Amino acid sequence: RPAIRVAVIGTGFAGGSHVEALRRVPGVEVAVLAGSSDERARAASERLGIAGGTGDFRRVLDDPSIA
């Protein structure tokens, strides 16, 4: 298991760029993607190969497993 689990907020171009950059950092896992709606977040997380997606960034902030 990676040492650091992170989330990215944003499903557009910048969010995808951040996901790709974070994947290059050893020991980091992009665990969830937050967007403006559940549907957009799920679609983007599937496209980017991320396990979780949510339309409510507060869920991410409340998740103790996310650094």
PDB file of N, CA and C in Angstrom:
ATOM      1  N   ARG A   1       0.852  -1.193   0.000  1.00  0.00           N
ATOM      2  CA  ARG A   1       0.000   0.000   0.000  1.00  0.00           C
ATOM      3  C   ARG A   1       0.887   1.243   0.000  1.00  0.00           C
ATOM      4  N   PRO A   2       0.525   2.232  -0.830  1.00  0.00           N
ATOM      5  CA  PRO A   2       1.319   3.463  -0.864  1.00  0.00           C
ATOM      6  C   PRO A   2       1.323   4.177   0.484  1.00  0.00           C
ATOM      7  N   ALA A   3       2.383   4.918   0.722  1.00  0.00           N
ATOM      8  CA  ALA A   3       2.516   5.645   1.986  1.00  0.00           C
ATOM      9  C   ALA A   3       1.549   6.816   2.073  1.00  0.00           C
ATOM     10  N   ILE A   4       1.225   7.418   0.933  1.00  0.00           N
ATOM     11  CA  ILE A   4       0.372   8.603   0.929  1.00  0.00           C
ATOM     12  C   ILE A   4      -0.767   8.410  -0.068  1.00  0.00           C
ATOM     13  N   ARG A   5      -1.995   8.544   0.419  1.00  0.00           N
ATOM     14  CA  ARG A   5      -3.190   8.509  -0.445  1.00  0.00           C
ATOM     15  C   ARG A   5      -3.688   9.936  -0.586  1.00  0.00           C
ATOM     16  N   VAL A   6      -3.852  10.394  -1.828  1.00  0.00           N
ATOM     17  CA  VAL A   6      -4.266  11.765  -2.080  1.00  0.00           C
ATOM     18  C   VAL A   6      -5.544  11.801  -2.900  1.00  0.00           C
ATOM     19  N   ALA A   7      -6.160  12.973  -2.912  1.00  0.00           N
ATOM     20  CA  ALA A   7      -7.332  13.232  -3.741  1.00  0.00           C
ATOM     21  C   ALA A   7      -7.020  14.413  -4.645  1.00  0.00           C
ATOM     22  N   VAL A   8      -7.662  14.424  -5.788  1.00  0.00           N
ATOM     23  CA  VAL A   8      -7.575  15.553  -6.704  1.00  0.00           C
ATOM     24  C   VAL A   8      -8.974  16.118  -6.843  1.00  0.00           C
ATOM     25  N   ILE A   9      -9.090  17.423  -6.731  1.00  0.00           N
ATOM     26  CA  ILE A   9     -10.374  18.085  -6.917  1.00  0.00           C
ATOM     27  C   ILE A   9     -10.346  18.756  -8.277  1.00  0.00           C
ATOM     28  N   GLY A  10     -11.244  18.316  -9.138  1.00  0.00           N
ATOM     29  CA  GLY A  10     -11.342  18.854 -10.495  1.00  0.00           C
ATOM     30  C   GLY A  10     -11.302  17.744 -11.515  1.00  0.00           C
ATOM     31  N   THR A  11     -12.279  17.745 -12.412  1.00  0.00           N
ATOM     32  CA  THR A  11     -12.387  16.675 -13.405  1.00  0.00           C
ATOM     33  C   THR A  11     -11.973  17.128 -14.798  1.00  0.00           C
ATOM     34  N   GLY A  12     -11.575  18.374 -14.944  1.00  0.00           N
ATOM     35  CA  GLY A  12     -11.193  18.902 -16.248  1.00  0.00           C
ATOM     36  C   GLY A  12      -9.734  18.630 -16.575  1.00  0.00           C
ATOM     37  N   PHE A  13      -9.216  19.396 -17.529  1.00  0.00           N
ATOM     38  CA  PHE A  13      -7.847  19.207 -18.004  1.00  0.00           C
ATOM     39  C   PHE A  13      -6.832  19.318 -16.872  1.00  0.00           C
ATOM     40  N   ALA A  14      -6.957  20.340 -16.040  1.00  0.00           N
ATOM     41  CA  ALA A  14      -5.985  20.544 -14.959  1.00  0.00           C
ATOM     42  C   ALA A  14      -6.027  19.387 -13.966  1.00  0.00           C
ATOM     43  N   GLY A  15      -7.218  18.929 -13.622  1.00  0.00           N
ATOM     44  CA  GLY A  15      -7.337  17.796 -12.701  1.00  0.00           C
ATOM     45  C   GLY A  15      -6.632  16.568 -13.253  1.00  0.00           C
ATOM     46  N   GLY A  16      -6.872  16.274 -14.528  1.00  0.00           N
ATOM     47  CA  GLY A  16      -6.215  15.132 -15.167  1.00  0.00           C
ATOM     48  C   GLY A  16      -4.711  15.275 -15.205  1.00  0.00           C
ATOM     49  N   SER A  17      -4.239  16.501 -15.424  1.00  0.00           N
ATOM     50  CA  SER A  17      -2.793  16.752 -15.424  1.00  0.00           C
ATOM     51  C   SER A  17      -2.190  16.510 -14.046  1.00  0.00           C
ATOM     52  N   HIS A  18      -2.903  16.937 -13.013  1.00  0.00           N
ATOM     53  CA  HIS A  18      -2.426  16.713 -11.649  1.00  0.00           C
ATOM     54  C   HIS A  18      -2.395  15.219 -11.316  1.00  0.00           C
ATOM     55  N   VAL A  19      -3.415  14.504 -11.765  1.00  0.00           N
ATOM     56  CA  VAL A  19      -3.449  13.053 -11.534  1.00  0.00           C
ATOM     57  C   VAL A  19      -2.225  12.404 -12.160  1.00  0.00           C
ATOM     58  N   GLU A  20      -1.948  12.738 -13.410  1.00  0.00           N
ATOM     59  CA  GLU A  20      -0.805  12.127 -14.094  1.00  0.00           C
ATOM     60  C   GLU A  20       0.511  12.489 -13.420  1.00  0.00           C
ATOM     61  N   ALA A  21       0.643  13.723 -12.963  1.00  0.00           N
ATOM     62  CA  ALA A  21       1.872  14.134 -12.273  1.00  0.00           C
ATOM     63  C   ALA A  21       2.016  13.401 -10.939  1.00  0.00           C
ATOM     64  N   LEU A  22       0.938  13.293 -10.188  1.00  0.00           N
ATOM     65  CA  LEU A  22       1.004  12.616  -8.883  1.00  0.00           C
ATOM     66  C   LEU A  22       1.320  11.140  -9.025  1.00  0.00           C
ATOM     67  N   ARG A  23       0.883  10.530 -10.098  1.00  0.00           N
ATOM     68  CA  ARG A  23       1.179   9.108 -10.324  1.00  0.00           C
ATOM     69  C   ARG A  23       2.668   8.855 -10.502  1.00  0.00           C
ATOM     70  N   ARG A  24       3.396   9.873 -10.865  1.00  0.00           N
ATOM     71  CA  ARG A  24       4.843   9.728 -11.060  1.00  0.00           C
ATOM     72  C   ARG A  24       5.635   9.856  -9.763  1.00  0.00           C
ATOM     73  N   VAL A  25       4.961  10.212  -8.685  1.00  0.00           N
ATOM     74  CA  VAL A  25       5.638  10.389  -7.399  1.00  0.00           C
ATOM     75  C   VAL A  25       5.642   9.052  -6.657  1.00  0.00           C
ATOM     76  N   PRO A  26       6.813   8.514  -6.345  1.00  0.00           N
ATOM     77  CA  PRO A  26       6.868   7.234  -5.630  1.00  0.00           C
ATOM     78  C   PRO A  26       6.146   7.305  -4.285  1.00  0.00           C
ATOM     79  N   GLY A  27       5.379   6.274  -3.980  1.00  0.00           N
ATOM     80  CA  GLY A  27       4.695   6.185  -2.698  1.00  0.00           C
ATOM     81  C   GLY A  27       3.389   6.944  -2.623  1.00  0.00           C
ATOM     82  N   VAL A  28       2.928   7.502  -3.744  1.00  0.00           N
ATOM     83  CA  VAL A  28       1.682   8.271  -3.751  1.00  0.00           C
ATOM     84  C   VAL A  28       0.635   7.528  -4.575  1.00  0.00           C
ATOM     85  N   GLU A  29      -0.567   7.449  -4.041  1.00  0.00           N
ATOM     86  CA  GLU A  29      -1.711   6.865  -4.744  1.00  0.00           C
ATOM     87  C   GLU A  29      -2.798   7.933  -4.860  1.00  0.00           C
ATOM     88  N   VAL A  30      -3.273   8.171  -6.064  1.00  0.00           N
ATOM     89  CA  VAL A  30      -4.437   9.043  -6.246  1.00  0.00           C
ATOM     90  C   VAL A  30      -5.647   8.155  -5.996  1.00  0.00           C
ATOM     91  N   ALA A  31      -6.269   8.346  -4.832  1.00  0.00           N
ATOM     92  CA  ALA A  31      -7.321   7.445  -4.373  1.00  0.00           C
ATOM     93  C   ALA A  31      -8.715   7.884  -4.784  1.00  0.00           C
ATOM     94  N   VAL A  32      -8.919   9.179  -4.961  1.00  0.00           N
ATOM     95  CA  VAL A  32     -10.258   9.676  -5.259  1.00  0.00           C
ATOM     96  C   VAL A  32     -10.170  10.973  -6.054  1.00  0.00           C
ATOM     97  N   LEU A  33     -11.178  11.174  -6.883  1.00  0.00           N
ATOM     98  CA  LEU A  33     -11.295  12.384  -7.686  1.00  0.00           C
ATOM     99  C   LEU A  33     -12.621  13.044  -7.331  1.00  0.00           C
ATOM    100  N   ALA A  34     -12.585  14.316  -6.992  1.00  0.00           N
ATOM    101  CA  ALA A  34     -13.802  15.054  -6.653  1.00  0.00           C
ATOM    102  C   ALA A  34     -14.136  16.019  -7.779  1.00  0.00           C
ATOM    103  N   GLY A  35     -15.417  16.094  -8.096  1.00  0.00           N
ATOM    104  CA  GLY A  35     -15.865  16.981  -9.160  1.00  0.00           C
ATOM    105  C   GLY A  35     -17.118  17.728  -8.761  1.00  0.00           C
ATOM    106  N   SER A  36     -17.722  18.392  -9.725  1.00  0.00           N
ATOM    107  CA  SER A  36     -18.900  19.218  -9.462  1.00  0.00           C
ATOM    108  C   SER A  36     -20.178  18.405  -9.308  1.00  0.00           C
ATOM    109  N   SER A  37     -20.135  17.133  -9.698  1.00  0.00           N
ATOM    110  CA  SER A  37     -21.283  16.234  -9.514  1.00  0.00           C
ATOM    111  C   SER A  37     -20.767  14.808  -9.415  1.00  0.00           C
ATOM    112  N   ASP A  38     -21.577  13.936  -8.822  1.00  0.00           N
ATOM    113  CA  ASP A  38     -21.188  12.526  -8.735  1.00  0.00           C
ATOM    114  C   ASP A  38     -20.974  11.934 -10.127  1.00  0.00           C
ATOM    115  N   GLU A  39     -21.842  12.279 -11.060  1.00  0.00           N
ATOM    116  CA  GLU A  39     -21.751  11.724 -12.411  1.00  0.00           C
ATOM    117  C   GLU A  39     -20.449  12.128 -13.102  1.00  0.00           C
ATOM    118  N   ARG A  40     -20.104  13.412 -13.031  1.00  0.00           N
ATOM    119  CA  ARG A  40     -18.859  13.872 -13.665  1.00  0.00           C
ATOM    120  C   ARG A  40     -17.645  13.263 -12.984  1.00  0.00           C
ATOM    121  N   ALA A  41     -17.687  13.185 -11.659  1.00  0.00           N
ATOM    122  CA  ALA A  41     -16.552  12.620 -10.925  1.00  0.00           C
ATOM    123  C   ALA A  41     -16.381  11.141 -11.238  1.00  0.00           C
ATOM    124  N   ARG A  42     -17.468  10.406 -11.292  1.00  0.00           N
ATOM    125  CA  ARG A  42     -17.370   8.968 -11.613  1.00  0.00           C
ATOM    126  C   ARG A  42     -16.862   8.747 -13.026  1.00  0.00           C
ATOM    127  N   ALA A  43     -17.384   9.531 -13.975  1.00  0.00           N
ATOM    128  CA  ALA A  43     -16.934   9.390 -15.367  1.00  0.00           C
ATOM    129  C   ALA A  43     -15.444   9.698 -15.495  1.00  0.00           C
ATOM    130  N   ALA A  44     -14.999  10.770 -14.863  1.00  0.00           N
ATOM    131  CA  ALA A  44     -13.582  11.139 -14.935  1.00  0.00           C
ATOM    132  C   ALA A  44     -12.714  10.120 -14.205  1.00  0.00           C
ATOM    133  N   SER A  45     -13.165   9.637 -13.060  1.00  0.00           N
ATOM    134  CA  SER A  45     -12.352   8.660 -12.329  1.00  0.00           C
ATOM    135  C   SER A  45     -12.236   7.361 -13.124  1.00  0.00           C
ATOM    136  N   GLU A  46     -13.285   6.957 -13.802  1.00  0.00           N
ATOM    137  CA  GLU A  46     -13.195   5.765 -14.655  1.00  0.00           C
ATOM    138  C   GLU A  46     -12.226   6.004 -15.805  1.00  0.00           C
ATOM    139  N   ARG A  47     -12.323   7.164 -16.437  1.00  0.00           N
ATOM    140  CA  ARG A  47     -11.457   7.497 -17.562  1.00  0.00           C
ATOM    141  C   ARG A  47      -9.984   7.521 -17.146  1.00  0.00           C
ATOM    142  N   LEU A  48      -9.731   7.991 -15.917  1.00  0.00           N
ATOM    143  CA  LEU A  48      -8.353   8.126 -15.434  1.00  0.00           C
ATOM    144  C   LEU A  48      -7.869   6.923 -14.627  1.00  0.00           C
ATOM    145  N   GLY A  49      -8.742   5.942 -14.428  1.00  0.00           N
ATOM    146  CA  GLY A  49      -8.340   4.738 -13.695  1.00  0.00           C
ATOM    147  C   GLY A  49      -8.181   4.952 -12.204  1.00  0.00           C
ATOM    148  N   ILE A  50      -9.051   5.780 -11.631  1.00  0.00           N
ATOM    149  CA  ILE A  50      -9.028   6.055 -10.196  1.00  0.00           C
ATOM    150  C   ILE A  50     -10.204   5.318  -9.563  1.00  0.00           C
ATOM    151  N   ALA A  51      -9.966   4.697  -8.430  1.00  0.00           N
ATOM    152  CA  ALA A  51     -10.989   3.852  -7.800  1.00  0.00           C
ATOM    153  C   ALA A  51     -12.216   4.627  -7.348  1.00  0.00           C
ATOM    154  N   GLY A  52     -12.048   5.836  -6.828  1.00  0.00           N
ATOM    155  CA  GLY A  52     -13.179   6.559  -6.264  1.00  0.00           C
ATOM    156  C   GLY A  52     -13.438   7.889  -6.943  1.00  0.00           C
ATOM    157  N   GLY A  53     -14.712   8.273  -6.926  1.00  0.00           N
ATOM    158  CA  GLY A  53     -15.105   9.570  -7.460  1.00  0.00           C
ATOM    159  C   GLY A  53     -16.296  10.097  -6.687  1.00  0.00           C
ATOM    160  N   THR A  54     -16.317  11.384  -6.411  1.00  0.00           N
ATOM    161  CA  THR A  54     -17.414  11.985  -5.656  1.00  0.00           C
ATOM    162  C   THR A  54     -17.706  13.394  -6.165  1.00  0.00           C
ATOM    163  N   GLY A  55     -18.947  13.791  -6.029  1.00  0.00           N
ATOM    164  CA  GLY A  55     -19.341  15.139  -6.374  1.00  0.00           C
ATOM    165  C   GLY A  55     -19.316  16.082  -5.191  1.00  0.00           C
ATOM    166  N   ASP A  56     -18.859  15.601  -4.050  1.00  0.00           N
ATOM    167  CA  ASP A  56     -18.835  16.420  -2.835  1.00  0.00           C
ATOM    168  C   ASP A  56     -17.438  16.390  -2.234  1.00  0.00           C
ATOM    169  N   PHE A  57     -16.697  17.462  -2.425  1.00  0.00           N
ATOM    170  CA  PHE A  57     -15.311  17.506  -1.945  1.00  0.00           C
ATOM    171  C   PHE A  57     -15.223  17.357  -0.428  1.00  0.00           C
ATOM    172  N   ARG A  58     -16.318  17.663   0.288  1.00  0.00           N
ATOM    173  CA  ARG A  58     -16.289  17.536   1.752  1.00  0.00           C
ATOM    174  C   ARG A  58     -16.117  16.082   2.188  1.00  0.00           C
ATOM    175  N   ARG A  59     -16.598  15.146   1.380  1.00  0.00           N
ATOM    176  CA  ARG A  59     -16.369  13.721   1.688  1.00  0.00           C
ATOM    177  C   ARG A  59     -14.877  13.418   1.684  1.00  0.00           C
ATOM    178  N   VAL A  60     -14.174  14.032   0.771  1.00  0.00           N
ATOM    179  CA  VAL A  60     -12.723  13.839   0.675  1.00  0.00           C
ATOM    180  C   VAL A  60     -12.053  14.421   1.912  1.00  0.00           C
ATOM    181  N   LEU A  61     -12.456  15.622   2.293  1.00  0.00           N
ATOM    182  CA  LEU A  61     -11.841  16.269   3.452  1.00  0.00           C
ATOM    183  C   LEU A  61     -12.110  15.507   4.736  1.00  0.00           C
ATOM    184  N   ASP A  62     -13.235  14.812   4.810  1.00  0.00           N
ATOM    185  CA  ASP A  62     -13.598  14.058   6.006  1.00  0.00           C
ATOM    186  C   ASP A  62     -12.977  12.659   6.043  1.00  0.00           C
ATOM    187  N   ASP A  63     -12.338  12.237   4.971  1.00  0.00           N
ATOM    188  CA  ASP A  63     -11.766  10.887   4.889  1.00  0.00           C
ATOM    189  C   ASP A  63     -10.376  10.871   5.534  1.00  0.00           C
ATOM    190  N   PRO A  64     -10.218  10.197   6.674  1.00  0.00           N
ATOM    191  CA  PRO A  64      -8.919  10.196   7.353  1.00  0.00           C
ATOM    192  C   PRO A  64      -7.818   9.450   6.604  1.00  0.00           C
ATOM    193  N   SER A  65      -8.180   8.659   5.593  1.00  0.00           N
ATOM    194  CA  SER A  65      -7.160   7.924   4.867  1.00  0.00           C
ATOM    195  C   SER A  65      -6.506   8.762   3.769  1.00  0.00           C
ATOM    196  N   ILE A  66      -7.039   9.959   3.534  1.00  0.00           N
ATOM    197  CA  ILE A  66      -6.490  10.854   2.525  1.00  0.00           C
ATOM    198  C   ILE A  66      -5.574  11.868   3.198  1.00  0.00           C
ATOM    199  N   ALA A  67      -4.347  11.967   2.671  1.00  0.00           N
ATOM    200  CA  ALA A  67      -3.368  12.896   3.263  1.00  0.00           C
ATOM    201  C   ALA A  67      -3.599  14.308   2.799  1.00  0.00           C
TER     202      ALA A  67
END
